[in-house]
Amino acid sequence: MPEKEVLLTAEGIKELQEELHCLKTVKRPAVSNRIKVAIGFGDISENAEYDDAKNEQAFIEGRILTINRMLGNARIIDTEKASDDTICIGATVLLRDLEFGEDQKYTIVGATESNPDANKISNESLVGKAILGQKIGTIVTVNAPIGPLQYKILGIHKKS
């Protein structure tokens, strides 16, 4: 079964490559050294330092595999081909919450890159799905678990 395609912005690919580099060149050697030191304490059957270091090593190796898999299945989001007046993955949008009158700015990214704290929402999220393909001035309704939410699209900006 083929693995799922991972949608990433150029910035997202760069961040994953940097994390991978750090894991391989900094964290992997550091945890390897911690394991050697812990083994030096003697009996490893009841050695908390050894157990902790081995758990961290497993996490690091798992993350390296995950990042390699994501990068191997990555498709860079190309906003160059997208229309300037239509919301696409990679676009930054300005929305007005019609219930509260508040403006919110989001960048639409693939699920791997989503980070609501940084105003990056997934194309698979409820809001992301509702606004993809829409144009400035459109009012969209998002069927959220707390009830319907309405947003007006005020602006669209694509990174080039």
N, C-alpha and C. Protein backbone atom coordinates (compact mmCIF):
# COMPACT_ATOMS: atom_id res chain seq x y z
N MET A 1 0.85 -1.17 0.00
CA MET A 1 0.00 0.00 0.00
C MET A 1 0.89 1.23 0.00
N PRO A 2 0.70 2.14 -0.95
CA PRO A 2 1.55 3.33 -0.99
C PRO A 2 1.27 4.24 0.21
N GLU A 3 2.33 4.91 0.66
CA GLU A 3 2.17 5.80 1.80
C GLU A 3 1.49 7.08 1.37
N LYS A 4 0.85 7.72 2.32
CA LYS A 4 0.10 8.94 2.08
C LYS A 4 1.05 10.09 1.71
N GLU A 5 0.67 10.82 0.70
CA GLU A 5 1.44 11.98 0.28
C GLU A 5 1.41 13.03 1.40
N VAL A 6 2.55 13.66 1.66
CA VAL A 6 2.67 14.66 2.70
C VAL A 6 2.81 16.02 2.03
N LEU A 7 1.82 16.90 2.25
CA LEU A 7 1.87 18.23 1.67
C LEU A 7 2.67 19.15 2.58
N LEU A 8 3.69 19.79 2.02
CA LEU A 8 4.54 20.68 2.81
C LEU A 8 4.85 21.94 2.03
N THR A 9 4.97 23.04 2.76
CA THR A 9 5.47 24.26 2.15
C THR A 9 6.99 24.14 2.06
N ALA A 10 7.61 25.02 1.29
CA ALA A 10 9.08 25.02 1.21
C ALA A 10 9.66 25.25 2.60
N GLU A 11 9.01 26.11 3.38
CA GLU A 11 9.45 26.39 4.76
C GLU A 11 9.34 25.13 5.62
N GLY A 12 8.26 24.37 5.44
CA GLY A 12 8.06 23.14 6.21
C GLY A 12 9.11 22.09 5.88
N ILE A 13 9.47 21.97 4.61
CA ILE A 13 10.53 21.03 4.21
C ILE A 13 11.84 21.44 4.86
N LYS A 14 12.14 22.73 4.83
CA LYS A 14 13.38 23.22 5.42
C LYS A 14 13.42 22.92 6.92
N GLU A 15 12.30 23.15 7.61
CA GLU A 15 12.25 22.88 9.05
C GLU A 15 12.47 21.40 9.35
N LEU A 16 11.86 20.52 8.56
CA LEU A 16 12.06 19.08 8.77
C LEU A 16 13.50 18.68 8.49
N GLN A 17 14.10 19.23 7.44
CA GLN A 17 15.50 18.92 7.14
C GLN A 17 16.42 19.39 8.27
N GLU A 18 16.13 20.56 8.84
CA GLU A 18 16.94 21.07 9.95
C GLU A 18 16.77 20.20 11.19
N GLU A 19 15.54 19.78 11.47
CA GLU A 19 15.30 18.90 12.62
C GLU A 19 16.04 17.58 12.43
N LEU A 20 15.97 17.02 11.22
CA LEU A 20 16.65 15.76 10.93
C LEU A 20 18.15 15.90 11.12
N HIS A 21 18.72 16.99 10.64
CA HIS A 21 20.15 17.24 10.79
C HIS A 21 20.53 17.31 12.28
N CYS A 22 19.73 18.03 13.06
CA CYS A 22 19.99 18.15 14.51
C CYS A 22 19.90 16.79 15.20
N LEU A 23 18.88 16.01 14.84
CA LEU A 23 18.73 14.68 15.45
C LEU A 23 19.94 13.80 15.16
N LYS A 24 20.41 13.83 13.91
CA LYS A 24 21.52 12.96 13.51
C LYS A 24 22.88 13.43 14.03
N THR A 25 23.10 14.74 14.05
CA THR A 25 24.44 15.25 14.37
C THR A 25 24.61 15.71 15.81
N VAL A 26 23.50 16.00 16.50
CA VAL A 26 23.61 16.50 17.88
C VAL A 26 22.99 15.52 18.87
N LYS A 27 21.71 15.23 18.69
CA LYS A 27 21.00 14.43 19.69
C LYS A 27 21.39 12.96 19.69
N ARG A 28 21.56 12.37 18.52
CA ARG A 28 21.94 10.95 18.45
C ARG A 28 23.29 10.73 19.13
N PRO A 29 24.34 11.51 18.80
CA PRO A 29 25.63 11.31 19.48
C PRO A 29 25.55 11.59 21.00
N ALA A 30 24.74 12.58 21.39
CA ALA A 30 24.64 12.91 22.81
C ALA A 30 24.01 11.75 23.60
N VAL A 31 22.95 11.17 23.06
CA VAL A 31 22.31 10.07 23.77
C VAL A 31 23.19 8.83 23.75
N SER A 32 23.93 8.63 22.69
CA SER A 32 24.87 7.51 22.63
C SER A 32 25.92 7.64 23.73
N ASN A 33 26.38 8.85 23.94
CA ASN A 33 27.34 9.11 25.00
C ASN A 33 26.71 8.87 26.37
N ARG A 34 25.45 9.29 26.55
CA ARG A 34 24.77 9.05 27.83
C ARG A 34 24.65 7.55 28.11
N ILE A 35 24.40 6.77 27.07
CA ILE A 35 24.30 5.31 27.26
C ILE A 35 25.64 4.74 27.70
N LYS A 36 26.72 5.19 27.07
CA LYS A 36 28.05 4.71 27.45
C LYS A 36 28.36 5.05 28.91
N VAL A 37 28.03 6.27 29.31
CA VAL A 37 28.27 6.69 30.71
C VAL A 37 27.43 5.83 31.65
N ALA A 38 26.17 5.62 31.30
CA ALA A 38 25.28 4.84 32.17
C ALA A 38 25.76 3.40 32.30
N ILE A 39 26.27 2.83 31.22
CA ILE A 39 26.81 1.47 31.27
C ILE A 39 28.01 1.43 32.22
N GLY A 40 28.75 2.51 32.26
CA GLY A 40 29.91 2.60 33.15
C GLY A 40 29.54 2.55 34.63
N PHE A 41 28.25 2.82 34.95
CA PHE A 41 27.82 2.76 36.35
C PHE A 41 27.67 1.33 36.84
N GLY A 42 27.76 0.35 35.93
CA GLY A 42 27.68 -1.05 36.35
C GLY A 42 26.38 -1.68 35.92
N ASP A 43 25.81 -2.48 36.80
CA ASP A 43 24.60 -3.27 36.53
C ASP A 43 23.52 -2.43 35.85
N ILE A 44 23.20 -2.81 34.59
CA ILE A 44 22.21 -2.02 33.85
C ILE A 44 20.78 -2.49 34.11
N SER A 45 20.60 -3.58 34.86
CA SER A 45 19.25 -4.09 35.10
C SER A 45 18.44 -3.15 36.00
N GLU A 46 19.09 -2.41 36.85
CA GLU A 46 18.40 -1.45 37.72
C GLU A 46 19.05 -0.08 37.60
N ASN A 47 19.32 0.33 36.38
CA ASN A 47 20.04 1.57 36.13
C ASN A 47 19.09 2.56 35.45
N ALA A 48 18.55 3.51 36.23
CA ALA A 48 17.56 4.46 35.71
C ALA A 48 18.15 5.35 34.61
N GLU A 49 19.42 5.72 34.76
CA GLU A 49 20.06 6.56 33.74
C GLU A 49 20.13 5.83 32.40
N TYR A 50 20.46 4.54 32.47
CA TYR A 50 20.54 3.72 31.26
C TYR A 50 19.16 3.59 30.61
N ASP A 51 18.15 3.27 31.43
CA ASP A 51 16.78 3.12 30.91
C ASP A 51 16.30 4.42 30.26
N ASP A 52 16.56 5.53 30.91
CA ASP A 52 16.14 6.83 30.37
C ASP A 52 16.84 7.13 29.04
N ALA A 53 18.12 6.87 29.00
CA ALA A 53 18.88 7.13 27.77
C ALA A 53 18.42 6.21 26.63
N LYS A 54 18.14 4.95 26.94
CA LYS A 54 17.65 4.02 25.90
C LYS A 54 16.28 4.44 25.39
N ASN A 55 15.42 4.93 26.30
CA ASN A 55 14.11 5.42 25.86
C ASN A 55 14.25 6.64 24.96
N GLU A 56 15.15 7.54 25.32
CA GLU A 56 15.39 8.71 24.49
C GLU A 56 15.97 8.31 23.14
N GLN A 57 16.86 7.34 23.15
CA GLN A 57 17.44 6.85 21.89
C GLN A 57 16.34 6.28 20.99
N ALA A 58 15.42 5.53 21.54
CA ALA A 58 14.33 4.96 20.76
C ALA A 58 13.45 6.07 20.17
N PHE A 59 13.19 7.10 20.96
CA PHE A 59 12.40 8.23 20.47
C PHE A 59 13.12 8.92 19.31
N ILE A 60 14.40 9.19 19.47
CA ILE A 60 15.18 9.87 18.43
C ILE A 60 15.20 9.05 17.15
N GLU A 61 15.47 7.76 17.27
CA GLU A 61 15.52 6.90 16.08
C GLU A 61 14.15 6.82 15.40
N GLY A 62 13.10 6.78 16.20
CA GLY A 62 11.75 6.77 15.64
C GLY A 62 11.43 8.07 14.91
N ARG A 63 11.86 9.17 15.49
CA ARG A 63 11.60 10.48 14.85
C ARG A 63 12.39 10.60 13.55
N ILE A 64 13.62 10.11 13.54
CA ILE A 64 14.44 10.13 12.32
C ILE A 64 13.73 9.34 11.21
N LEU A 65 13.23 8.15 11.55
CA LEU A 65 12.49 7.34 10.56
C LEU A 65 11.25 8.07 10.06
N THR A 66 10.52 8.69 10.97
CA THR A 66 9.30 9.42 10.61
C THR A 66 9.60 10.57 9.67
N ILE A 67 10.62 11.35 10.00
CA ILE A 67 10.98 12.49 9.15
C ILE A 67 11.45 12.02 7.78
N ASN A 68 12.28 10.98 7.75
CA ASN A 68 12.73 10.44 6.46
C ASN A 68 11.54 9.99 5.61
N ARG A 69 10.56 9.35 6.25
CA ARG A 69 9.37 8.90 5.53
C ARG A 69 8.58 10.10 5.00
N MET A 70 8.40 11.11 5.84
CA MET A 70 7.66 12.31 5.41
C MET A 70 8.36 12.99 4.24
N LEU A 71 9.68 13.15 4.35
CA LEU A 71 10.42 13.82 3.27
C LEU A 71 10.37 12.98 1.99
N GLY A 72 10.38 11.66 2.13
CA GLY A 72 10.31 10.78 0.97
C GLY A 72 8.96 10.81 0.26
N ASN A 73 7.92 11.18 1.00
CA ASN A 73 6.56 11.25 0.43
C ASN A 73 6.06 12.67 0.30
N ALA A 74 6.98 13.63 0.42
CA ALA A 74 6.58 15.03 0.41
C ALA A 74 6.28 15.55 -0.99
N ARG A 75 5.28 16.41 -1.02
CA ARG A 75 4.99 17.18 -2.23
C ARG A 75 4.97 18.62 -1.80
N ILE A 76 5.84 19.41 -2.42
CA ILE A 76 5.92 20.82 -2.07
C ILE A 76 4.69 21.53 -2.63
N ILE A 77 4.05 22.30 -1.78
CA ILE A 77 2.89 23.07 -2.18
C ILE A 77 3.35 24.19 -3.10
N ASP A 78 2.81 24.21 -4.29
CA ASP A 78 3.19 25.20 -5.29
C ASP A 78 2.07 26.23 -5.44
N THR A 79 2.25 27.40 -4.82
CA THR A 79 1.24 28.44 -4.90
C THR A 79 1.39 29.29 -6.15
N GLU A 80 2.46 29.10 -6.90
CA GLU A 80 2.70 29.89 -8.11
C GLU A 80 1.59 29.67 -9.14
N LYS A 81 1.09 28.44 -9.22
CA LYS A 81 0.09 28.11 -10.22
C LYS A 81 -1.32 28.49 -9.78
N ALA A 82 -1.47 28.84 -8.52
CA ALA A 82 -2.80 29.13 -7.99
C ALA A 82 -3.23 30.55 -8.36
N SER A 83 -4.52 30.71 -8.45
CA SER A 83 -5.10 32.02 -8.73
C SER A 83 -4.89 32.94 -7.52
N ASP A 84 -4.69 34.22 -7.80
CA ASP A 84 -4.48 35.18 -6.71
C ASP A 84 -5.74 35.45 -5.91
N ASP A 85 -6.90 35.11 -6.44
CA ASP A 85 -8.14 35.45 -5.75
C ASP A 85 -8.86 34.23 -5.17
N THR A 86 -8.19 33.08 -5.15
CA THR A 86 -8.80 31.86 -4.64
C THR A 86 -7.91 31.26 -3.56
N ILE A 87 -8.52 30.83 -2.48
CA ILE A 87 -7.76 30.24 -1.37
C ILE A 87 -7.26 28.86 -1.76
N CYS A 88 -5.94 28.66 -1.57
CA CYS A 88 -5.31 27.38 -1.85
C CYS A 88 -4.39 27.05 -0.68
N ILE A 89 -3.88 25.83 -0.67
CA ILE A 89 -2.92 25.45 0.36
C ILE A 89 -1.68 26.31 0.17
N GLY A 90 -1.18 26.86 1.25
CA GLY A 90 -0.02 27.75 1.20
C GLY A 90 -0.40 29.21 1.30
N ALA A 91 -1.68 29.52 1.09
CA ALA A 91 -2.14 30.91 1.15
C ALA A 91 -2.36 31.34 2.60
N THR A 92 -2.19 32.62 2.83
CA THR A 92 -2.53 33.22 4.11
C THR A 92 -3.84 33.98 3.89
N VAL A 93 -4.79 33.75 4.77
CA VAL A 93 -6.12 34.34 4.60
C VAL A 93 -6.50 35.16 5.82
N LEU A 94 -7.25 36.21 5.55
CA LEU A 94 -7.80 37.04 6.62
C LEU A 94 -9.30 36.78 6.66
N LEU A 95 -9.77 36.30 7.80
CA LEU A 95 -11.18 35.95 7.97
C LEU A 95 -11.79 36.81 9.06
N ARG A 96 -13.06 37.15 8.89
CA ARG A 96 -13.80 37.84 9.96
C ARG A 96 -14.80 36.85 10.53
N ASP A 97 -14.71 36.64 11.85
CA ASP A 97 -15.69 35.83 12.56
C ASP A 97 -16.95 36.68 12.65
N LEU A 98 -18.02 36.26 11.98
CA LEU A 98 -19.22 37.09 11.91
C LEU A 98 -20.00 37.14 13.21
N GLU A 99 -19.80 36.18 14.09
CA GLU A 99 -20.49 36.21 15.38
C GLU A 99 -19.87 37.24 16.32
N PHE A 100 -18.54 37.29 16.36
CA PHE A 100 -17.85 38.17 17.30
C PHE A 100 -17.24 39.40 16.65
N GLY A 101 -17.20 39.45 15.31
CA GLY A 101 -16.64 40.59 14.60
C GLY A 101 -15.13 40.68 14.69
N GLU A 102 -14.49 39.58 15.05
CA GLU A 102 -13.03 39.57 15.17
C GLU A 102 -12.39 39.07 13.89
N ASP A 103 -11.25 39.68 13.53
CA ASP A 103 -10.51 39.24 12.36
C ASP A 103 -9.43 38.25 12.79
N GLN A 104 -9.26 37.21 11.97
CA GLN A 104 -8.27 36.18 12.25
C GLN A 104 -7.49 35.91 10.98
N LYS A 105 -6.18 35.76 11.14
CA LYS A 105 -5.30 35.51 10.00
C LYS A 105 -4.74 34.10 10.14
N TYR A 106 -4.90 33.29 9.08
CA TYR A 106 -4.42 31.92 9.07
C TYR A 106 -3.64 31.64 7.80
N THR A 107 -2.67 30.74 7.92
CA THR A 107 -2.00 30.19 6.75
C THR A 107 -2.47 28.75 6.62
N ILE A 108 -2.91 28.38 5.41
CA ILE A 108 -3.40 27.03 5.16
C ILE A 108 -2.20 26.16 4.77
N VAL A 109 -1.96 25.10 5.54
CA VAL A 109 -0.83 24.20 5.30
C VAL A 109 -1.32 22.76 5.31
N GLY A 110 -0.44 21.84 4.94
CA GLY A 110 -0.75 20.41 5.06
C GLY A 110 -0.80 20.02 6.52
N ALA A 111 -1.41 18.88 6.81
CA ALA A 111 -1.61 18.44 8.19
C ALA A 111 -0.31 18.34 8.98
N THR A 112 0.77 17.96 8.33
CA THR A 112 2.06 17.79 9.01
C THR A 112 2.56 19.10 9.61
N GLU A 113 2.30 20.19 8.92
CA GLU A 113 2.80 21.50 9.35
C GLU A 113 1.85 22.27 10.24
N SER A 114 0.63 21.79 10.41
CA SER A 114 -0.35 22.60 11.14
C SER A 114 0.14 22.90 12.55
N ASN A 115 -0.11 24.13 12.96
CA ASN A 115 0.28 24.59 14.28
C ASN A 115 -0.63 25.77 14.63
N PRO A 116 -1.77 25.48 15.28
CA PRO A 116 -2.73 26.54 15.58
C PRO A 116 -2.12 27.70 16.39
N ASP A 117 -1.13 27.41 17.23
CA ASP A 117 -0.49 28.48 18.01
C ASP A 117 0.24 29.47 17.12
N ALA A 118 0.67 29.02 15.93
CA ALA A 118 1.35 29.89 14.97
C ALA A 118 0.40 30.30 13.84
N ASN A 119 -0.91 30.09 14.05
CA ASN A 119 -1.95 30.42 13.06
C ASN A 119 -1.75 29.67 11.74
N LYS A 120 -1.25 28.45 11.82
CA LYS A 120 -1.13 27.58 10.65
C LYS A 120 -2.16 26.47 10.82
N ILE A 121 -3.17 26.47 9.94
CA ILE A 121 -4.22 25.47 10.06
C ILE A 121 -4.15 24.50 8.89
N SER A 122 -4.53 23.29 9.17
CA SER A 122 -4.48 22.21 8.18
C SER A 122 -5.57 22.36 7.13
N ASN A 123 -5.23 21.95 5.93
CA ASN A 123 -6.22 21.89 4.86
C ASN A 123 -7.28 20.84 5.17
N GLU A 124 -7.00 19.97 6.14
CA GLU A 124 -7.94 18.92 6.53
C GLU A 124 -8.81 19.33 7.72
N SER A 125 -8.52 20.50 8.32
CA SER A 125 -9.31 20.97 9.46
C SER A 125 -10.68 21.44 8.96
N LEU A 126 -11.60 21.63 9.89
CA LEU A 126 -12.94 22.08 9.50
C LEU A 126 -12.90 23.43 8.80
N VAL A 127 -12.15 24.38 9.36
CA VAL A 127 -12.06 25.71 8.74
C VAL A 127 -11.30 25.61 7.42
N GLY A 128 -10.20 24.87 7.42
CA GLY A 128 -9.40 24.72 6.20
C GLY A 128 -10.23 24.16 5.05
N LYS A 129 -10.99 23.09 5.32
CA LYS A 129 -11.83 22.49 4.29
C LYS A 129 -12.88 23.48 3.78
N ALA A 130 -13.45 24.24 4.70
CA ALA A 130 -14.54 25.15 4.34
C ALA A 130 -14.07 26.30 3.45
N ILE A 131 -12.84 26.77 3.66
CA ILE A 131 -12.41 27.96 2.92
C ILE A 131 -11.60 27.66 1.66
N LEU A 132 -11.07 26.43 1.53
CA LEU A 132 -10.29 26.09 0.33
C LEU A 132 -11.15 26.29 -0.93
N GLY A 133 -10.57 26.96 -1.91
CA GLY A 133 -11.27 27.19 -3.18
C GLY A 133 -12.19 28.39 -3.18
N GLN A 134 -12.33 29.04 -2.02
CA GLN A 134 -13.24 30.19 -1.92
C GLN A 134 -12.52 31.48 -2.32
N LYS A 135 -13.30 32.54 -2.52
CA LYS A 135 -12.78 33.83 -2.97
C LYS A 135 -13.07 34.91 -1.93
N ILE A 136 -12.38 36.04 -2.08
CA ILE A 136 -12.60 37.20 -1.21
C ILE A 136 -14.06 37.62 -1.28
N GLY A 137 -14.62 37.93 -0.13
CA GLY A 137 -16.01 38.37 -0.05
C GLY A 137 -16.99 37.25 0.25
N THR A 138 -16.56 36.01 0.08
CA THR A 138 -17.43 34.86 0.32
C THR A 138 -17.65 34.67 1.82
N ILE A 139 -18.86 34.30 2.18
CA ILE A 139 -19.17 33.94 3.56
C ILE A 139 -19.27 32.42 3.60
N VAL A 140 -18.50 31.80 4.48
CA VAL A 140 -18.50 30.34 4.61
C VAL A 140 -19.04 29.95 5.98
N THR A 141 -19.70 28.82 6.01
CA THR A 141 -20.20 28.27 7.26
C THR A 141 -19.40 27.01 7.57
N VAL A 142 -18.86 26.97 8.79
CA VAL A 142 -18.09 25.82 9.26
C VAL A 142 -18.96 25.08 10.26
N ASN A 143 -19.23 23.82 9.98
CA ASN A 143 -20.05 23.02 10.88
C ASN A 143 -19.16 22.42 11.96
N ALA A 144 -18.93 23.20 13.00
CA ALA A 144 -18.06 22.80 14.11
C ALA A 144 -18.86 22.04 15.16
N PRO A 145 -18.18 21.27 16.01
CA PRO A 145 -18.89 20.54 17.08
C PRO A 145 -19.70 21.46 18.00
N ILE A 146 -19.27 22.71 18.15
CA ILE A 146 -20.00 23.64 19.03
C ILE A 146 -21.15 24.33 18.30
N GLY A 147 -21.32 24.01 17.04
CA GLY A 147 -22.37 24.61 16.23
C GLY A 147 -21.77 25.32 15.04
N PRO A 148 -22.63 25.82 14.15
CA PRO A 148 -22.14 26.47 12.94
C PRO A 148 -21.43 27.79 13.25
N LEU A 149 -20.29 27.99 12.57
CA LEU A 149 -19.53 29.24 12.68
C LEU A 149 -19.49 29.85 11.28
N GLN A 150 -19.63 31.18 11.23
CA GLN A 150 -19.58 31.83 9.93
C GLN A 150 -18.41 32.79 9.87
N TYR A 151 -17.72 32.74 8.72
CA TYR A 151 -16.58 33.61 8.47
C TYR A 151 -16.77 34.29 7.12
N LYS A 152 -16.33 35.54 7.05
CA LYS A 152 -16.27 36.24 5.77
C LYS A 152 -14.81 36.32 5.39
N ILE A 153 -14.50 36.00 4.15
CA ILE A 153 -13.12 36.05 3.65
C ILE A 153 -12.81 37.48 3.25
N LEU A 154 -11.87 38.09 3.98
CA LEU A 154 -11.51 39.49 3.74
C LEU A 154 -10.30 39.66 2.84
N GLY A 155 -9.38 38.70 2.87
CA GLY A 155 -8.18 38.85 2.07
C GLY A 155 -7.46 37.53 1.88
N ILE A 156 -6.70 37.46 0.79
CA ILE A 156 -5.92 36.26 0.46
C ILE A 156 -4.53 36.74 0.03
N HIS A 157 -3.51 36.12 0.60
CA HIS A 157 -2.14 36.43 0.21
C HIS A 157 -1.41 35.12 -0.03
N LYS A 158 -0.80 34.99 -1.19
CA LYS A 158 0.01 33.80 -1.48
C LYS A 158 1.47 34.17 -1.34
N LYS A 159 2.22 33.25 -0.76
CA LYS A 159 3.67 33.43 -0.72
C LYS A 159 4.20 33.07 -2.10
N SER A 160 5.17 33.82 -2.58
CA SER A 160 5.73 33.46 -3.88
C SER A 160 7.18 33.14 -3.76
